[in-house]
Protein backbone atom coordinates (compact mmCIF):
# COMPACT_ATOMS: atom_id res chain seq x y z
CA MET A 1 -50.89 -20.91 -106.09
CA LYS A 2 -50.50 -17.71 -104.07
CA ALA A 3 -52.73 -14.71 -104.76
CA VAL A 4 -53.70 -11.44 -103.09
CA VAL A 5 -57.41 -11.81 -102.28
CA TYR A 6 -59.65 -9.02 -100.98
CA ASP A 7 -62.95 -9.82 -99.30
CA ALA A 8 -63.81 -6.13 -98.85
CA PRO A 9 -62.13 -2.72 -99.24
CA ARG A 10 -58.88 -2.53 -97.21
CA SER A 11 -59.33 -6.18 -96.15
CA TYR A 12 -57.06 -8.67 -97.93
CA ALA A 13 -54.81 -11.66 -97.39
CA VAL A 14 -52.22 -13.56 -99.42
CA LYS A 15 -53.91 -16.93 -99.84
CA ASP A 16 -53.28 -20.31 -101.41
CA ILE A 17 -55.95 -20.89 -104.06
CA SER A 18 -56.36 -23.29 -106.96
CA VAL A 19 -54.45 -22.65 -110.18
CA PRO A 20 -56.98 -21.76 -112.89
CA ARG A 21 -57.15 -23.82 -116.07
CA ALA A 22 -57.32 -22.46 -119.59
CA GLY A 23 -60.80 -23.12 -120.92
CA ALA A 24 -61.78 -23.03 -124.59
CA GLY A 25 -60.42 -19.86 -126.16
CA GLU A 26 -58.37 -19.00 -123.07
CA VAL A 27 -54.68 -18.75 -122.22
CA LEU A 28 -53.10 -19.68 -118.89
CA ILE A 29 -50.26 -17.29 -118.10
CA LYS A 30 -47.51 -17.72 -115.52
CA VAL A 31 -47.12 -14.24 -114.05
CA GLY A 32 -43.63 -12.76 -114.30
CA GLN A 33 -44.21 -9.35 -112.76
CA VAL A 34 -47.06 -6.92 -112.26
CA GLY A 35 -46.91 -3.15 -111.96
CA VAL A 36 -48.56 -1.43 -109.01
CA CYS A 37 -50.12 1.93 -109.81
CA GLY A 38 -52.21 4.62 -108.19
CA THR A 39 -55.38 2.93 -109.42
CA ASP A 40 -54.54 -0.03 -107.18
CA LEU A 41 -54.57 2.34 -104.20
CA HIS A 42 -58.04 3.52 -105.26
CA ILE A 43 -59.19 -0.11 -105.59
CA HIS A 44 -57.72 -0.88 -102.15
CA GLU A 45 -60.10 1.77 -100.78
CA GLY A 46 -63.05 0.32 -102.71
CA ASP A 47 -63.12 3.00 -105.40
CA PHE A 48 -62.87 2.67 -109.19
CA ASN A 49 -66.00 0.48 -109.37
CA ALA A 50 -64.18 -2.40 -107.68
CA VAL A 51 -66.28 -5.52 -107.07
CA PHE A 52 -65.38 -7.72 -104.10
CA PRO A 53 -64.21 -10.41 -103.45
CA LEU A 54 -61.34 -9.55 -105.77
CA ILE A 55 -57.81 -10.36 -106.85
CA PRO A 56 -56.41 -6.95 -107.92
CA GLY A 57 -53.61 -6.14 -110.37
CA HIS A 58 -53.85 -5.09 -114.03
CA GLU A 59 -50.31 -4.42 -115.38
CA LEU A 60 -48.96 -7.84 -116.37
CA VAL A 61 -46.04 -9.43 -118.13
CA GLY A 62 -45.69 -13.21 -118.06
CA VAL A 63 -45.26 -16.32 -120.20
CA VAL A 64 -47.81 -18.65 -121.75
CA GLU A 65 -48.17 -21.78 -119.61
CA GLN A 66 -51.11 -23.50 -121.32
CA LEU A 67 -53.28 -22.94 -124.39
CA GLY A 68 -56.97 -23.68 -124.21
CA GLU A 69 -58.91 -25.48 -126.92
CA GLY A 70 -59.08 -23.50 -130.15
CA VAL A 71 -56.31 -21.02 -129.30
CA THR A 72 -53.93 -20.34 -132.19
CA GLY A 73 -51.23 -17.77 -132.86
CA LEU A 74 -49.52 -18.15 -129.48
CA ARG A 75 -47.09 -20.73 -128.15
CA VAL A 76 -46.21 -22.09 -124.73
CA GLY A 77 -43.28 -20.14 -123.31
CA GLU A 78 -44.05 -16.96 -125.28
CA GLN A 79 -43.78 -13.70 -123.31
CA VAL A 80 -47.13 -11.92 -123.29
CA THR A 81 -49.12 -9.14 -121.71
CA VAL A 82 -52.86 -8.71 -121.22
CA ASN A 83 -55.22 -5.85 -121.99
CA PRO A 84 -57.30 -5.80 -118.78
CA ASN A 85 -60.31 -3.86 -120.07
CA VAL A 86 -63.39 -5.51 -121.55
CA ASN A 87 -66.30 -3.75 -123.29
CA CYS A 88 -69.76 -5.27 -123.64
CA GLY A 89 -70.12 -4.89 -127.42
CA HIS A 90 -73.85 -4.15 -127.38
CA CYS A 91 -74.44 -0.77 -125.69
CA SER A 92 -74.93 2.36 -127.80
CA TYR A 93 -71.32 3.47 -127.30
CA CYS A 94 -69.87 0.12 -128.32
CA ARG A 95 -72.08 0.03 -131.40
CA ALA A 96 -70.83 3.50 -132.29
CA GLY A 97 -67.22 2.32 -131.99
CA ARG A 98 -66.53 4.34 -128.82
CA LEU A 99 -65.41 1.33 -126.81
CA ILE A 100 -63.76 3.09 -123.87
CA LEU A 101 -67.10 4.78 -123.12
CA CYS A 102 -68.89 1.42 -122.85
CA GLU A 103 -71.74 1.62 -120.34
CA ASN A 104 -70.84 -1.85 -119.03
CA LEU A 105 -67.02 -1.59 -119.08
CA LYS A 106 -65.32 -4.20 -116.88
CA GLY A 107 -61.72 -4.81 -115.98
CA TYR A 108 -59.38 -7.53 -114.77
CA GLY A 109 -58.16 -6.48 -111.35
CA SER A 110 -61.30 -4.47 -110.60
CA ASN A 111 -64.26 -6.64 -111.66
CA PHE A 112 -62.63 -9.93 -112.69
CA PRO A 113 -59.76 -11.78 -110.94
CA GLY A 114 -56.61 -9.78 -111.63
CA PHE A 115 -52.90 -10.40 -111.82
CA PHE A 116 -51.48 -10.21 -108.27
CA ALA A 117 -51.21 -13.98 -108.39
CA GLU A 118 -48.86 -16.66 -109.68
CA TYR A 119 -51.11 -17.66 -112.60
CA VAL A 120 -54.04 -16.14 -114.46
CA ALA A 121 -56.38 -17.45 -117.18
CA VAL A 122 -57.75 -14.91 -119.67
CA PRO A 123 -59.42 -14.94 -123.11
CA GLN A 124 -56.98 -15.06 -126.02
CA THR A 125 -58.55 -11.89 -127.42
CA LEU A 126 -56.94 -9.93 -124.57
CA VAL A 127 -53.46 -11.44 -124.91
CA PHE A 128 -50.67 -9.65 -126.79
CA SER A 129 -47.19 -10.96 -127.55
CA VAL A 130 -44.31 -8.93 -126.14
CA ASP A 131 -41.69 -11.54 -126.97
CA GLY A 132 -38.24 -10.02 -127.28
CA LEU A 133 -38.97 -6.99 -125.11
CA PRO A 134 -37.17 -6.84 -121.75
CA ALA A 135 -39.65 -7.76 -119.02
CA ASP A 136 -38.92 -4.45 -117.28
CA THR A 137 -40.19 -2.71 -120.42
CA ALA A 138 -43.05 -5.05 -121.25
CA VAL A 139 -44.57 -4.61 -117.78
CA PHE A 140 -45.33 -1.01 -118.78
CA THR A 141 -47.59 -2.00 -121.69
CA GLU A 142 -50.84 -1.18 -119.90
CA PRO A 143 -49.74 2.27 -118.68
CA ALA A 144 -48.20 2.90 -122.11
CA GLY A 145 -51.59 1.96 -123.60
CA CYS A 146 -53.27 4.54 -121.35
CA ALA A 147 -50.69 7.11 -122.48
CA MET A 148 -51.29 6.20 -126.12
CA HIS A 149 -55.03 6.70 -125.64
CA GLY A 150 -54.21 10.07 -124.08
CA LEU A 151 -52.24 11.02 -127.18
CA GLU A 152 -55.08 9.85 -129.42
CA THR A 153 -57.63 11.83 -127.38
CA LEU A 154 -55.48 14.94 -127.38
CA ASP A 155 -55.31 15.00 -131.21
CA LEU A 156 -52.23 17.19 -130.93
CA ARG A 157 -51.84 20.12 -133.29
CA PRO A 158 -48.31 20.00 -134.82
CA GLY A 159 -45.95 22.54 -133.33
CA SER A 160 -47.81 22.81 -130.03
CA SER A 161 -46.07 23.68 -126.77
CA VAL A 162 -47.04 21.19 -124.06
CA LEU A 163 -46.86 21.20 -120.26
CA VAL A 164 -47.30 17.87 -118.46
CA PHE A 165 -47.99 18.05 -114.73
CA GLY A 166 -46.66 14.89 -113.10
CA ALA A 167 -43.48 12.84 -113.49
CA GLY A 168 -44.99 9.53 -112.44
CA PRO A 169 -44.56 6.51 -114.74
CA THR A 170 -47.63 7.13 -116.89
CA GLY A 171 -46.98 10.87 -117.03
CA LEU A 172 -43.48 10.25 -118.36
CA LEU A 173 -44.78 7.77 -120.93
CA LEU A 174 -47.35 10.28 -122.13
CA ALA A 175 -44.77 13.10 -122.21
CA GLN A 176 -42.52 10.99 -124.44
CA LEU A 177 -45.34 10.08 -126.81
CA ILE A 178 -46.35 13.74 -127.05
CA ALA A 179 -42.73 14.70 -127.77
CA HIS A 180 -42.68 12.21 -130.65
CA GLY A 181 -46.21 13.14 -131.74
CA GLY A 182 -45.60 16.59 -133.18
CA ALA A 183 -45.07 18.89 -130.19
CA SER A 184 -42.53 21.70 -130.60
CA SER A 185 -41.66 21.56 -126.90
CA VAL A 186 -42.55 19.44 -123.87
CA THR A 187 -42.13 20.62 -120.29
CA VAL A 188 -42.67 18.29 -117.31
CA ALA A 189 -43.45 19.85 -113.94
CA ALA A 190 -43.38 17.95 -110.65
CA PRO A 191 -42.31 18.45 -107.02
CA THR A 192 -39.84 15.53 -106.87
CA ALA A 193 -36.30 16.17 -108.10
CA PHE A 194 -35.27 12.58 -108.79
CA LYS A 195 -38.38 11.96 -110.91
CA LEU A 196 -37.56 15.06 -112.93
CA ASP A 197 -34.01 13.74 -113.33
CA THR A 198 -35.53 10.56 -114.78
CA ALA A 199 -37.67 12.66 -117.12
CA ALA A 200 -34.57 14.48 -118.37
CA ALA A 201 -32.73 11.18 -118.84
CA LEU A 202 -35.65 9.94 -120.95
CA GLY A 203 -35.25 12.91 -123.29
CA ILE A 204 -37.79 15.44 -121.97
CA GLY A 205 -36.54 18.82 -123.11
CA ARG A 206 -37.44 20.93 -120.08
CA THR A 207 -38.28 20.10 -116.46
CA VAL A 208 -39.50 22.45 -113.73
CA GLN A 209 -39.68 21.66 -110.02
CA ILE A 210 -42.83 23.02 -108.37
CA SER A 211 -44.13 22.99 -104.81
CA ARG A 212 -47.87 22.19 -105.19
CA ASP A 213 -48.38 24.33 -102.07
CA ASP A 214 -48.18 27.76 -103.73
CA PRO A 215 -50.38 27.82 -106.87
CA GLU A 216 -49.65 31.45 -107.75
CA ALA A 217 -45.90 30.92 -107.53
CA ASP A 218 -46.21 27.77 -109.65
CA ILE A 219 -48.17 29.66 -112.31
CA ALA A 220 -45.52 32.39 -112.38
CA VAL A 221 -42.53 30.06 -112.68
CA LEU A 222 -44.22 27.85 -115.28
CA LYS A 223 -45.29 30.77 -117.44
CA GLN A 224 -41.74 32.06 -117.30
CA ALA A 225 -40.50 28.64 -118.42
CA SER A 226 -42.95 28.48 -121.36
CA PRO A 227 -41.61 29.15 -124.86
CA GLY A 228 -43.36 32.52 -125.25
CA GLY A 229 -43.70 33.40 -121.59
CA ASP A 230 -47.50 33.28 -121.80
CA GLY A 231 -48.28 29.63 -121.13
CA TYR A 232 -48.73 26.47 -123.21
CA ASP A 233 -50.92 25.33 -126.07
CA VAL A 234 -51.64 22.10 -124.18
CA VAL A 235 -51.62 21.47 -120.43
CA VAL A 236 -51.89 17.87 -119.22
CA GLU A 237 -52.96 17.15 -115.64
CA ALA A 238 -51.36 13.76 -114.88
CA THR A 239 -51.17 13.94 -111.09
CA GLY A 240 -54.76 13.45 -109.92
CA SER A 241 -54.36 16.48 -107.65
CA PRO A 242 -57.33 18.93 -107.61
CA ARG A 243 -54.91 21.67 -106.57
CA ILE A 244 -52.87 21.14 -109.72
CA GLY A 245 -56.05 20.82 -111.75
CA GLY A 246 -57.01 24.28 -110.59
CA ILE A 247 -54.02 25.96 -112.28
CA CYS A 248 -54.26 24.19 -115.64
CA VAL A 249 -56.62 26.63 -117.35
CA PRO A 250 -54.62 29.73 -116.26
CA LEU A 251 -51.51 28.15 -117.80
CA THR A 252 -53.24 27.37 -121.12
CA ARG A 253 -52.79 29.75 -124.03
CA ASN A 254 -55.78 31.17 -125.91
CA GLY A 255 -57.41 28.45 -127.99
CA GLY A 256 -55.49 25.77 -126.13
CA THR A 257 -56.44 22.46 -124.55
CA VAL A 258 -56.43 21.03 -121.03
CA LEU A 259 -56.26 17.23 -120.84
CA VAL A 260 -57.49 15.68 -117.59
CA TYR A 261 -55.45 12.48 -117.42
CA GLY A 262 -54.70 11.84 -113.73
CA VAL A 263 -57.03 9.81 -111.51
CA THR A 264 -58.77 11.83 -108.80
CA ARG A 265 -61.26 10.71 -106.18
CA ASN A 266 -64.92 10.73 -107.21
CA GLU A 267 -65.72 13.57 -104.83
CA ASP A 268 -62.87 15.89 -105.84
CA ILE A 269 -63.79 19.25 -107.39
CA VAL A 270 -61.71 21.63 -109.52
CA ALA A 271 -62.93 25.21 -109.93
CA VAL A 272 -62.64 27.04 -113.26
CA HIS A 273 -63.84 30.45 -114.38
CA PRO A 274 -66.31 29.72 -117.19
CA PHE A 275 -65.93 33.19 -118.69
CA ASP A 276 -62.19 32.57 -119.05
CA VAL A 277 -62.86 29.26 -120.84
CA PHE A 278 -65.52 30.97 -123.00
CA ARG A 279 -63.55 34.10 -123.87
CA ARG A 280 -60.29 32.33 -124.62
CA GLU A 281 -61.97 29.30 -126.27
CA ILE A 282 -60.25 26.73 -124.05
CA THR A 283 -61.02 23.06 -124.70
CA ILE A 284 -61.13 20.67 -121.73
CA LYS A 285 -60.80 16.96 -122.53
CA GLY A 286 -60.71 13.79 -120.46
CA SER A 287 -58.70 10.63 -121.13
CA PHE A 288 -59.75 7.52 -119.24
CA ALA A 289 -57.68 4.30 -119.34
CA GLU A 290 -57.58 2.52 -122.72
CA ILE A 291 -59.21 -0.35 -124.54
CA SER A 292 -57.90 -0.37 -128.11
CA SER A 293 -54.40 1.11 -127.80
CA PHE A 294 -52.31 -1.93 -126.82
CA GLY A 295 -50.97 -2.61 -130.31
CA ALA A 296 -49.81 0.98 -130.76
CA ALA A 297 -48.34 1.03 -127.24
CA ILE A 298 -46.31 -2.13 -127.86
CA ALA A 299 -45.04 -0.67 -131.13
CA ALA A 300 -43.94 2.49 -129.28
CA LEU A 301 -42.16 0.42 -126.63
CA ARG A 302 -40.44 -1.71 -129.26
CA GLY A 303 -39.43 1.36 -131.27
CA GLY A 304 -38.03 3.24 -128.28
CA ARG A 305 -40.55 6.07 -128.61
CA ALA A 306 -41.70 5.29 -125.07
CA ARG A 307 -38.70 4.36 -122.92
CA THR A 308 -38.85 3.00 -119.38
CA ASP A 309 -35.20 3.06 -118.30
CA GLY A 310 -34.79 3.81 -114.61
CA ILE A 311 -38.49 4.10 -113.77
CA ILE A 312 -38.75 0.87 -111.73
CA THR A 313 -37.30 1.56 -108.28
CA HIS A 314 -38.87 -1.06 -105.98
CA ARG A 315 -39.73 -4.76 -106.25
CA PHE A 316 -41.77 -6.81 -103.79
CA SER A 317 -43.01 -10.38 -103.55
CA LEU A 318 -46.68 -11.30 -103.25
CA ASP A 319 -46.13 -11.91 -99.53
CA ASP A 320 -44.99 -8.29 -99.22
CA TYR A 321 -47.99 -6.83 -101.05
CA GLY A 322 -48.85 -4.63 -98.08
CA LYS A 323 -45.33 -3.21 -98.08
CA ALA A 324 -45.69 -2.48 -101.80
CA LEU A 325 -48.86 -0.45 -101.23
CA ASP A 326 -47.29 1.40 -98.32
CA ALA A 327 -44.17 2.21 -100.33
CA LEU A 328 -46.20 3.50 -103.27
CA GLN A 329 -48.23 5.75 -101.00
CA ASN A 330 -45.61 6.94 -98.51
CA ASP A 331 -42.02 6.33 -99.65
CA PRO A 332 -40.59 9.46 -101.35
CA THR A 333 -37.93 7.33 -103.08
CA VAL A 334 -40.52 5.30 -105.01
CA HIS A 335 -41.09 5.83 -108.70
CA LYS A 336 -42.50 2.53 -109.99
CA VAL A 337 -43.28 -0.50 -107.84
CA VAL A 338 -43.62 -4.00 -109.29
CA ILE A 339 -44.75 -7.25 -107.71
CA VAL A 340 -42.68 -10.32 -108.63
CA PRO A 341 -44.57 -13.48 -107.67
């Protein structure tokens, strides 16, 4: 089979390798399509705790090709997805039920062979049925799971006004879940007009185009767009931009919450005024990936609470993996890229 294989950061080739077999308790999946996300760009650079050699890719939809010994509850030909994150089960965080904080957290596509391949074998415990969902929806299960974990972490107070920075795929999924999770208003801010048009088409009540190059002007226009003119109860940073991160606290109302959701580089720094956080009792939370939110995410996708219409804009084959990365990083017409083996 074909697979994208890295031997080191930024060094990869599309190779012919052996098709894996489903061992006891495992499922062999024929890959249908795999989403490419910003995390894959970080992994390409060797970040995100990537371990090489490596087959990347972690947003999968495919069909069951073979069932290993002892596997029940699935059938050959069933459309499935895979939760790529694996906790150790024995560290202090796992034993306390805080699985996403596992000290030994591993992931398919970063530590184990991932999904930019024609076939993949994974433990049944990580496999979820998405039979009946359109493949173009089911491929968003992993980012929808991350968004669902973001909603769970946020613990939204009913009636809150919410600002989401970022109209990328996962930002739009999170914005929709927040809108259905008790918010009185949701505003999405981003610099790209066509992504904001997609946000509006998906039911986001208010969109605001910003520049990212003039923080003070962005603060002014976004405060003016807020329901009371004084900011938002919740501000979500879903871009990974330190510059945007730096204006989140000023846009948060007294007693409000900032959710750090976008992926930055390890060395990035965002400055805040601690007295402002102290005096106005601002809460700053982080939401990292997901590990136990797949079931809820699939339910939201099935129920239409998280829609994906129009988000996929580009498709590439495995042989064009390099073009996919380049498009994601440099093409202003890209929203969501998928690889179709």
